[in-house]
Amino acid sequence: MVTVLGTSMVLFTVIYAERKGWVDKKKVRVIMQVGMNIGILGSLLYFLYTLSSFLPFL
């Protein structure tokens, strides 16, 4: 729950900064893509870790 709230606060802060003109759209796009890629990679690694606990012979 805390992770979801923290992530949404960061997302809304980046959107607010973009609309105020503090950062340009290209930087926001790069930040969002890197963040999504890290999130996907983290989820995949967590899934493999959880799967390895069910399959100890791997």
N, C-alpha and C. Protein backbone atom coordinates (compact mmCIF):
# COMPACT_ATOMS: atom_id res chain seq x y z
N MET A 1 0.83 -1.20 0.00
CA MET A 1 0.00 0.00 0.00
C MET A 1 0.87 1.26 0.00
N VAL A 2 1.89 1.25 0.83
CA VAL A 2 2.79 2.41 0.90
C VAL A 2 3.53 2.58 -0.42
N THR A 3 3.91 1.47 -1.04
CA THR A 3 4.62 1.53 -2.31
C THR A 3 3.74 2.14 -3.39
N VAL A 4 2.49 1.74 -3.43
CA VAL A 4 1.56 2.28 -4.43
C VAL A 4 1.35 3.76 -4.21
N LEU A 5 1.18 4.18 -2.98
CA LEU A 5 0.99 5.60 -2.70
C LEU A 5 2.24 6.41 -3.03
N GLY A 6 3.41 5.88 -2.68
CA GLY A 6 4.66 6.58 -3.00
C GLY A 6 4.88 6.71 -4.49
N THR A 7 4.61 5.63 -5.22
CA THR A 7 4.78 5.66 -6.67
C THR A 7 3.82 6.64 -7.32
N SER A 8 2.58 6.66 -6.86
CA SER A 8 1.61 7.59 -7.44
C SER A 8 1.97 9.03 -7.10
N MET A 9 2.53 9.27 -5.92
CA MET A 9 2.95 10.63 -5.58
C MET A 9 4.09 11.09 -6.48
N VAL A 10 5.04 10.19 -6.76
CA VAL A 10 6.13 10.54 -7.66
C VAL A 10 5.59 10.82 -9.06
N LEU A 11 4.67 9.98 -9.53
CA LEU A 11 4.09 10.16 -10.85
C LEU A 11 3.38 11.51 -10.96
N PHE A 12 2.56 11.85 -9.98
CA PHE A 12 1.84 13.11 -10.03
C PHE A 12 2.78 14.31 -9.89
N THR A 13 3.87 14.14 -9.14
CA THR A 13 4.85 15.22 -9.02
C THR A 13 5.55 15.47 -10.35
N VAL A 14 5.89 14.40 -11.07
CA VAL A 14 6.52 14.56 -12.38
C VAL A 14 5.55 15.21 -13.35
N ILE A 15 4.29 14.80 -13.32
CA ILE A 15 3.28 15.41 -14.21
C ILE A 15 3.12 16.90 -13.87
N TYR A 16 3.07 17.23 -12.59
CA TYR A 16 2.93 18.62 -12.17
C TYR A 16 4.13 19.45 -12.63
N ALA A 17 5.33 18.89 -12.47
CA ALA A 17 6.55 19.61 -12.89
C ALA A 17 6.57 19.81 -14.39
N GLU A 18 6.06 18.83 -15.13
CA GLU A 18 6.03 18.98 -16.59
C GLU A 18 5.06 20.08 -17.00
N ARG A 19 3.91 20.12 -16.35
CA ARG A 19 2.92 21.15 -16.71
C ARG A 19 3.37 22.55 -16.32
N LYS A 20 4.15 22.65 -15.24
CA LYS A 20 4.67 23.95 -14.83
C LYS A 20 5.82 24.41 -15.70
N GLY A 21 6.39 23.48 -16.48
CA GLY A 21 7.50 23.84 -17.35
C GLY A 21 8.86 23.68 -16.70
N TRP A 22 8.92 23.01 -15.56
CA TRP A 22 10.19 22.83 -14.87
C TRP A 22 11.07 21.79 -15.56
N VAL A 23 10.45 20.81 -16.22
CA VAL A 23 11.18 19.80 -16.99
C VAL A 23 10.51 19.69 -18.36
N ASP A 24 11.28 19.28 -19.35
CA ASP A 24 10.69 19.14 -20.67
C ASP A 24 10.13 17.73 -20.88
N LYS A 25 9.34 17.60 -21.93
CA LYS A 25 8.64 16.34 -22.17
C LYS A 25 9.59 15.20 -22.48
N LYS A 26 10.71 15.50 -23.10
CA LYS A 26 11.67 14.45 -23.44
C LYS A 26 12.26 13.82 -22.18
N LYS A 27 12.60 14.66 -21.19
CA LYS A 27 13.14 14.14 -19.93
C LYS A 27 12.09 13.33 -19.19
N VAL A 28 10.87 13.79 -19.19
CA VAL A 28 9.80 13.05 -18.52
C VAL A 28 9.59 11.71 -19.18
N ARG A 29 9.64 11.66 -20.50
CA ARG A 29 9.48 10.39 -21.21
C ARG A 29 10.58 9.41 -20.84
N VAL A 30 11.83 9.91 -20.78
CA VAL A 30 12.95 9.04 -20.41
C VAL A 30 12.79 8.54 -18.98
N ILE A 31 12.42 9.42 -18.07
CA ILE A 31 12.22 9.03 -16.67
C ILE A 31 11.14 7.96 -16.56
N MET A 32 10.03 8.14 -17.27
CA MET A 32 8.93 7.18 -17.20
C MET A 32 9.33 5.84 -17.80
N GLN A 33 10.05 5.85 -18.92
CA GLN A 33 10.45 4.59 -19.54
C GLN A 33 11.45 3.84 -18.68
N VAL A 34 12.41 4.55 -18.11
CA VAL A 34 13.39 3.89 -17.23
C VAL A 34 12.68 3.34 -15.99
N GLY A 35 11.78 4.10 -15.43
CA GLY A 35 11.04 3.64 -14.26
C GLY A 35 10.20 2.42 -14.54
N MET A 36 9.53 2.40 -15.69
CA MET A 36 8.73 1.23 -16.05
C MET A 36 9.61 0.02 -16.28
N ASN A 37 10.75 0.21 -16.95
CA ASN A 37 11.65 -0.91 -17.20
C ASN A 37 12.20 -1.48 -15.89
N ILE A 38 12.56 -0.62 -14.95
CA ILE A 38 13.04 -1.09 -13.65
C ILE A 38 11.94 -1.81 -12.90
N GLY A 39 10.73 -1.32 -12.97
CA GLY A 39 9.61 -1.99 -12.31
C GLY A 39 9.32 -3.36 -12.90
N ILE A 40 9.37 -3.46 -14.22
CA ILE A 40 9.15 -4.75 -14.88
C ILE A 40 10.27 -5.72 -14.52
N LEU A 41 11.50 -5.26 -14.53
CA LEU A 41 12.63 -6.11 -14.19
C LEU A 41 12.54 -6.57 -12.74
N GLY A 42 12.19 -5.67 -11.84
CA GLY A 42 12.04 -6.04 -10.43
C GLY A 42 10.94 -7.06 -10.22
N SER A 43 9.83 -6.88 -10.91
CA SER A 43 8.73 -7.85 -10.80
C SER A 43 9.14 -9.20 -11.34
N LEU A 44 9.87 -9.23 -12.43
CA LEU A 44 10.33 -10.49 -13.01
C LEU A 44 11.30 -11.20 -12.07
N LEU A 45 12.24 -10.45 -11.50
CA LEU A 45 13.19 -11.05 -10.57
C LEU A 45 12.49 -11.58 -9.32
N TYR A 46 11.51 -10.84 -8.81
CA TYR A 46 10.75 -11.30 -7.65
C TYR A 46 9.96 -12.56 -7.99
N PHE A 47 9.38 -12.61 -9.18
CA PHE A 47 8.65 -13.80 -9.62
C PHE A 47 9.58 -15.01 -9.70
N LEU A 48 10.77 -14.82 -10.28
CA LEU A 48 11.73 -15.93 -10.36
C LEU A 48 12.18 -16.38 -8.97
N TYR A 49 12.38 -15.44 -8.07
CA TYR A 49 12.76 -15.78 -6.71
C TYR A 49 11.65 -16.59 -6.03
N THR A 50 10.42 -16.17 -6.19
CA THR A 50 9.29 -16.88 -5.60
C THR A 50 9.14 -18.26 -6.24
N LEU A 51 9.33 -18.33 -7.53
CA LEU A 51 9.22 -19.61 -8.22
C LEU A 51 10.33 -20.56 -7.77
N SER A 52 11.50 -20.04 -7.50
CA SER A 52 12.61 -20.91 -7.07
C SER A 52 12.35 -21.51 -5.68
N SER A 53 11.55 -20.84 -4.86
CA SER A 53 11.26 -21.42 -3.55
C SER A 53 10.30 -22.60 -3.68
N PHE A 54 9.50 -22.64 -4.73
CA PHE A 54 8.62 -23.79 -4.97
C PHE A 54 9.33 -24.91 -5.70
N LEU A 55 10.38 -24.58 -6.42
CA LEU A 55 11.13 -25.57 -7.17
C LEU A 55 12.58 -25.58 -6.70
N PRO A 56 12.87 -26.20 -5.58
CA PRO A 56 14.22 -26.11 -5.01
C PRO A 56 15.29 -26.80 -5.83
N PHE A 57 14.92 -27.65 -6.79
CA PHE A 57 15.93 -28.33 -7.56
C PHE A 57 16.47 -27.50 -8.71
N LEU A 58 15.93 -26.30 -8.93
CA LEU A 58 16.44 -25.43 -10.01
C LEU A 58 17.61 -24.64 -9.54
